[in-house]
Amino acid sequence: MIDDTLWEKINAVGSNNKERINAWILLGVSLLLFTGLGAFRWDLSLVIMLMVAIFIHELGHVLGMKLFRYKNIKMLFIPLFGGAAIGTPGKQDAFRIAMISILGPVFGLLSCYLAVAAWHIFPQGFLIKYAYFSLFINAFNLLPILPLDGGHFMNESLFSRFPKAEMVFSIVAVIALACMAYRWSSWLMGLLALFWAIIMPIRYNIGKVASRLQRDDAIAGGEITREKASIIRQKLEALCPQYTRGAHAKNLAKYIHDIWERVNKKFLSIPMTLLMIIIYLFVSCVFTTGTGLFIYILTRHHPAG
């Protein structure tokens, strides 16, 4: 069932040694594109403020990945939209993924305190503007909507182990993104909603196949082998034959590897799930509101100008 060509592709998906773009080059080029294209649309001071806020936010994700020993970690800017931090995990772990997702907003909110502290030493209006700007960006990212950080945190904590629940959560996310795109006349938000709507059924079907294989002792544990890959392909072909032929065939190796990773993913226990919900509520409600009040109280007599 698994020929040599397909087996090589499956190994390449999970390889940490394949050639990759240098992390610093990727960061530098994406930063230049972000700044250049942003300057055509926004005021340069806004672009710089946005660049700093995104960098600190993504730095939180990067440090989280380093803490959990991810490999091939990279940060990049997405022109006219935002940024991203990517890396290769040693193993699939819902707790680690969730914590990495929330560390971005946490670092972003902490930078608001630093900006206000710096403003008391160097009373420049742009520092107050930055504090409010970073507060908004990171509070928005904490919304429980995929693919925002808050959405990833809640998905890993609650829904990712149940394909149907994750599908419902994704559908709600697409609707919310589409509504925001319409309300703000944002074509970028609309593209994000469209992208998530396209990958949503693929994520669901991969999760469905993985859930059927989770109790199969021949799949669980260790490294992926040709025999394990063959079992996964058979199950994928039985449940979702469309993903083994036609236009999807070129991604078959990735589907097989993603299913294997999900079968061996470590999900949260019920007590840990409850703890993660408390963490999310604290960060998204208490910490975010407290940050806003902190900025307002300490700067209310000194409007940013």
Protein backbone atom coordinates (compact mmCIF):
# COMPACT_ATOMS: atom_id res chain seq x y z
CA MET A 1 0.00 0.00 0.00
CA ILE A 2 2.93 2.35 0.64
CA ASP A 3 5.36 2.51 -2.28
CA ASP A 4 8.89 3.88 -2.00
CA THR A 5 8.01 7.30 -3.43
CA LEU A 6 5.14 7.85 -0.99
CA TRP A 7 7.23 6.60 1.91
CA GLU A 8 9.98 9.08 1.09
CA LYS A 9 7.41 11.91 1.03
CA ILE A 10 5.98 10.82 4.40
CA ASN A 11 9.47 10.85 5.93
CA ALA A 12 10.13 14.25 4.38
CA VAL A 13 7.02 15.73 6.06
CA GLY A 14 8.35 14.89 9.51
CA SER A 15 12.00 15.50 8.79
CA ASN A 16 13.79 18.15 10.83
CA ASN A 17 16.83 18.02 8.60
CA LYS A 18 15.40 19.04 5.25
CA GLU A 19 16.60 22.29 3.75
CA ARG A 20 14.87 25.39 5.09
CA ILE A 21 15.16 29.14 4.57
CA ASN A 22 17.44 30.78 7.13
CA ALA A 23 15.34 32.15 10.00
CA TRP A 24 17.05 35.56 10.01
CA ILE A 25 16.70 35.98 6.24
CA LEU A 26 13.01 35.10 6.43
CA LEU A 27 12.48 37.57 9.26
CA GLY A 28 14.42 40.33 7.51
CA VAL A 29 12.76 39.96 4.10
CA SER A 30 9.26 39.69 5.58
CA LEU A 31 9.93 42.75 7.77
CA LEU A 32 10.99 44.80 4.77
CA LEU A 33 7.89 43.76 2.82
CA PHE A 34 5.68 44.46 5.82
CA THR A 35 7.15 47.94 6.30
CA GLY A 36 7.22 48.82 2.60
CA LEU A 37 3.68 47.70 1.76
CA GLY A 38 2.33 49.04 5.05
CA ALA A 39 3.76 52.51 4.35
CA PHE A 40 1.64 52.71 1.18
CA ARG A 41 -1.54 52.13 3.18
CA TRP A 42 -0.91 53.64 6.63
CA ASP A 43 1.06 56.43 8.26
CA LEU A 44 4.68 55.41 8.85
CA SER A 45 4.39 55.95 12.61
CA LEU A 46 1.44 53.52 12.66
CA VAL A 47 3.44 50.96 10.66
CA ILE A 48 6.35 51.18 13.13
CA MET A 49 3.98 50.89 16.09
CA LEU A 50 2.29 47.88 14.50
CA MET A 51 5.65 46.31 13.69
CA VAL A 52 6.85 46.62 17.30
CA ALA A 53 3.56 45.29 18.71
CA ILE A 54 3.60 42.28 16.37
CA PHE A 55 7.27 41.57 17.05
CA ILE A 56 6.75 41.48 20.84
CA HIS A 57 3.59 39.38 20.42
CA GLU A 58 5.34 36.84 18.20
CA LEU A 59 8.38 36.87 20.48
CA GLY A 60 6.11 35.45 23.17
CA HIS A 61 5.23 32.54 20.87
CA VAL A 62 8.90 32.01 19.95
CA LEU A 63 10.04 31.91 23.59
CA GLY A 64 7.22 29.46 24.33
CA MET A 65 8.44 27.22 21.52
CA LYS A 66 11.99 27.39 22.86
CA LEU A 67 10.73 26.54 26.33
CA PHE A 68 9.00 23.43 24.97
CA ARG A 69 12.02 22.54 22.81
CA TYR A 70 10.55 23.09 19.37
CA LYS A 71 12.95 22.92 16.45
CA ASN A 72 13.33 25.04 13.30
CA ILE A 73 11.70 28.04 15.00
CA LYS A 74 11.05 31.05 12.78
CA MET A 75 9.29 34.36 13.07
CA LEU A 76 7.94 36.25 10.06
CA PHE A 77 5.81 39.26 9.25
CA ILE A 78 2.78 38.94 6.99
CA PRO A 79 2.44 42.17 4.95
CA LEU A 80 -0.74 44.18 5.65
CA PHE A 81 -1.94 41.57 8.12
CA GLY A 82 0.27 40.59 11.05
CA GLY A 83 2.89 38.03 11.89
CA ALA A 84 3.47 34.37 12.63
CA ALA A 85 5.81 32.15 14.61
CA ILE A 86 6.38 28.63 13.33
CA GLY A 87 8.32 25.65 14.61
CA THR A 88 8.50 21.86 14.67
CA PRO A 89 7.35 20.23 17.91
CA GLY A 90 9.15 17.24 19.36
CA LYS A 91 5.75 15.67 19.97
CA GLN A 92 2.12 16.68 19.65
CA ASP A 93 0.93 17.92 23.04
CA ALA A 94 -2.29 19.91 23.51
CA PHE A 95 -0.99 21.60 26.67
CA ARG A 96 2.17 22.85 24.97
CA ILE A 97 0.32 24.08 21.89
CA ALA A 98 -2.23 25.92 24.03
CA MET A 99 0.39 27.57 26.22
CA ILE A 100 2.44 28.68 23.22
CA SER A 101 -0.68 30.22 21.69
CA ILE A 102 -1.48 32.31 24.77
CA LEU A 103 2.08 33.46 25.46
CA GLY A 104 1.91 35.81 22.47
CA PRO A 105 -0.94 37.92 23.91
CA VAL A 106 0.60 37.71 27.41
CA PHE A 107 3.88 39.20 26.16
CA GLY A 108 1.97 41.80 24.17
CA LEU A 109 -0.01 42.88 27.24
CA LEU A 110 3.14 43.01 29.36
CA SER A 111 4.65 45.38 26.80
CA CYS A 112 1.80 47.81 27.59
CA TYR A 113 3.09 48.07 31.18
CA LEU A 114 6.62 48.65 29.91
CA ALA A 115 5.39 51.37 27.55
CA VAL A 116 3.60 53.20 30.38
CA ALA A 117 6.66 52.86 32.63
CA ALA A 118 8.87 54.23 29.84
CA TRP A 119 6.41 57.09 29.32
CA HIS A 120 6.89 58.20 32.95
CA ILE A 121 10.62 58.48 32.27
CA PHE A 122 10.34 59.80 28.69
CA PRO A 123 6.91 61.52 28.44
CA GLN A 124 6.33 60.96 24.73
CA GLY A 125 2.76 60.60 23.46
CA PHE A 126 3.59 57.74 21.12
CA LEU A 127 4.31 55.50 24.13
CA ILE A 128 0.75 55.92 25.39
CA LYS A 129 -0.55 55.36 21.87
CA TYR A 130 1.49 52.20 21.65
CA ALA A 131 0.13 50.94 24.99
CA TYR A 132 -3.48 51.33 23.83
CA PHE A 133 -2.65 49.96 20.39
CA SER A 134 -0.95 46.86 21.78
CA LEU A 135 -3.81 46.38 24.24
CA PHE A 136 -6.32 46.31 21.38
CA ILE A 137 -4.26 43.94 19.19
CA ASN A 138 -3.66 41.43 21.96
CA ALA A 139 -7.18 41.62 23.39
CA PHE A 140 -8.51 40.95 19.88
CA ASN A 141 -6.17 37.97 19.52
CA LEU A 142 -7.57 36.50 22.73
CA LEU A 143 -11.07 36.17 21.25
CA PRO A 144 -12.07 32.47 21.22
CA ILE A 145 -12.21 32.38 17.43
CA LEU A 146 -9.99 30.25 15.22
CA PRO A 147 -7.38 30.94 13.96
CA LEU A 148 -6.75 33.66 16.58
CA ASP A 149 -4.61 32.75 19.59
CA GLY A 150 -7.61 32.57 21.90
CA GLY A 151 -9.30 30.22 19.45
CA HIS A 152 -6.27 27.92 19.32
CA PHE A 153 -6.03 27.93 23.11
CA MET A 154 -9.68 26.96 23.57
CA ASN A 155 -9.57 24.45 20.72
CA GLU A 156 -6.58 22.62 22.19
CA SER A 157 -8.06 22.76 25.69
CA LEU A 158 -11.59 21.66 24.84
CA PHE A 159 -12.42 20.66 21.29
CA SER A 160 -9.44 19.20 19.37
CA ARG A 161 -9.91 15.67 20.78
CA PHE A 162 -13.49 15.56 19.43
CA PRO A 163 -13.63 16.04 15.62
CA LYS A 164 -17.34 16.97 15.57
CA ALA A 165 -16.95 19.51 18.37
CA GLU A 166 -13.90 20.96 16.64
CA MET A 167 -15.89 21.19 13.40
CA VAL A 168 -18.70 23.11 15.12
CA PHE A 169 -16.13 25.41 16.75
CA SER A 170 -14.57 26.02 13.31
CA ILE A 171 -17.94 26.76 11.70
CA VAL A 172 -18.67 29.34 14.38
CA ALA A 173 -15.23 30.83 13.75
CA VAL A 174 -15.83 31.14 10.00
CA ILE A 175 -19.18 32.85 10.60
CA ALA A 176 -17.61 35.24 13.13
CA LEU A 177 -14.73 36.08 10.77
CA ALA A 178 -17.15 36.68 7.89
CA CYS A 179 -19.26 38.98 10.06
CA MET A 180 -16.18 40.96 11.11
CA ALA A 181 -15.04 41.18 7.50
CA TYR A 182 -18.44 42.60 6.51
CA ARG A 183 -18.66 44.95 9.50
CA TRP A 184 -15.18 46.39 8.99
CA SER A 185 -15.15 46.10 5.17
CA SER A 186 -11.92 44.10 5.50
CA TRP A 187 -11.06 41.97 2.49
CA LEU A 188 -8.12 40.50 4.45
CA MET A 189 -10.49 39.27 7.16
CA GLY A 190 -12.71 37.91 4.40
CA LEU A 191 -9.78 35.99 2.92
CA LEU A 192 -9.00 34.57 6.35
CA ALA A 193 -12.60 33.38 6.69
CA LEU A 194 -12.45 31.82 3.22
CA PHE A 195 -9.13 30.09 3.96
CA TRP A 196 -10.45 28.62 7.21
CA ALA A 197 -13.65 27.49 5.47
CA ILE A 198 -11.53 25.63 2.88
CA ILE A 199 -9.27 23.80 5.34
CA MET A 200 -12.05 23.14 7.88
CA PRO A 201 -13.39 19.93 6.26
CA ILE A 202 -9.85 18.61 5.80
CA ARG A 203 -9.10 19.17 9.50
CA TYR A 204 -12.36 17.44 10.40
CA ASN A 205 -11.72 14.37 8.23
CA ILE A 206 -8.15 13.99 9.48
CA GLY A 207 -9.46 14.17 13.03
CA LYS A 208 -12.19 11.65 12.24
CA VAL A 209 -9.74 9.11 10.85
CA ALA A 210 -7.33 9.68 13.75
CA SER A 211 -10.07 9.16 16.33
CA ARG A 212 -10.90 5.79 14.76
CA LEU A 213 -7.25 4.73 15.05
CA GLN A 214 -6.49 5.98 18.55
CA ARG A 215 -7.23 2.61 20.16
CA ASP A 216 -5.24 0.66 17.60
CA ASP A 217 -2.13 -0.65 19.38
CA ALA A 218 -0.43 -1.14 16.02
CA ILE A 219 -0.40 2.64 15.49
CA ALA A 220 0.22 4.11 18.92
CA GLY A 221 3.67 5.12 20.15
CA GLY A 222 7.13 5.12 18.68
CA GLU A 223 8.05 6.48 15.29
CA ILE A 224 5.99 6.19 12.14
CA THR A 225 6.84 3.10 10.09
CA ARG A 226 5.83 1.89 6.66
CA GLU A 227 3.45 -0.58 8.31
CA LYS A 228 1.80 2.15 10.39
CA ALA A 229 1.54 4.39 7.35
CA SER A 230 -0.11 1.55 5.42
CA ILE A 231 -2.73 1.05 8.15
CA ILE A 232 -3.45 4.79 8.20
CA ARG A 233 -3.81 4.91 4.43
CA GLN A 234 -6.24 2.00 4.46
CA LYS A 235 -8.38 3.69 7.10
CA LEU A 236 -8.21 7.03 5.25
CA GLU A 237 -9.24 5.34 2.00
CA ALA A 238 -12.13 3.57 3.74
CA LEU A 239 -13.50 6.68 5.49
CA CYS A 240 -12.46 9.49 3.13
CA PRO A 241 -11.55 8.01 -0.28
CA GLN A 242 -11.50 11.48 -1.86
CA TYR A 243 -8.27 12.26 0.01
CA THR A 244 -6.34 9.40 -1.59
CA ARG A 245 -6.95 10.23 -5.22
CA GLY A 246 -7.43 13.11 -7.63
CA ALA A 247 -6.23 16.60 -6.66
CA HIS A 248 -5.77 15.54 -3.03
CA ALA A 249 -3.33 12.76 -3.92
CA LYS A 250 -0.39 15.19 -3.96
CA ASN A 251 -1.02 15.86 -0.26
CA LEU A 252 -1.51 12.21 0.69
CA ALA A 253 1.85 11.96 2.48
CA LYS A 254 1.00 15.00 4.62
CA TYR A 255 -2.46 13.64 5.44
CA ILE A 256 -0.97 10.32 6.56
CA HIS A 257 1.68 12.01 8.69
CA ASP A 258 -0.86 14.45 10.22
CA ILE A 259 -3.17 11.56 11.13
CA TRP A 260 -0.30 9.65 12.75
CA GLU A 261 0.67 12.74 14.79
CA ARG A 262 -2.91 13.23 15.89
CA VAL A 263 -3.27 9.57 16.89
CA ASN A 264 -0.25 10.00 19.15
CA LYS A 265 -1.17 13.46 20.39
CA LYS A 266 -1.32 13.95 24.15
CA PHE A 267 -4.66 15.54 25.11
CA LEU A 268 -5.56 17.17 28.40
CA SER A 269 -7.12 15.40 31.35
CA ILE A 270 -10.37 16.80 32.77
CA PRO A 271 -8.63 18.57 35.71
CA MET A 272 -6.08 20.12 33.32
CA THR A 273 -8.88 21.19 30.99
CA LEU A 274 -10.59 23.01 33.86
CA LEU A 275 -7.28 24.64 34.81
CA MET A 276 -6.74 25.80 31.21
CA ILE A 277 -10.21 27.35 31.10
CA ILE A 278 -9.38 29.26 34.30
CA ILE A 279 -6.10 30.43 32.76
CA TYR A 280 -7.92 31.59 29.63
CA LEU A 281 -10.57 33.48 31.61
CA PHE A 282 -7.91 35.11 33.76
CA VAL A 283 -5.77 36.26 30.82
CA SER A 284 -8.62 37.28 28.49
CA CYS A 285 -10.80 38.96 31.14
CA VAL A 286 -8.89 39.85 34.31
CA PHE A 287 -5.41 40.51 32.88
CA THR A 288 -6.69 42.31 29.78
CA THR A 289 -9.16 44.48 31.71
CA GLY A 290 -6.55 45.19 34.37
CA THR A 291 -4.08 46.27 31.69
CA GLY A 292 -6.63 48.67 30.21
CA LEU A 293 -7.42 50.16 33.62
CA PHE A 294 -3.71 50.45 34.40
CA ILE A 295 -3.07 52.43 31.22
CA TYR A 296 -6.10 54.65 31.74
CA ILE A 297 -5.49 55.44 35.42
CA LEU A 298 -1.79 56.19 35.02
CA THR A 299 -2.22 58.32 31.89
CA ARG A 300 -5.71 59.85 32.18
CA HIS A 301 -4.38 63.34 32.96
CA HIS A 302 -1.92 63.17 30.08
CA PRO A 303 -3.71 62.48 26.79
CA ALA A 304 -1.59 61.01 24.04
CA GLY A 305 -0.93 63.62 21.48
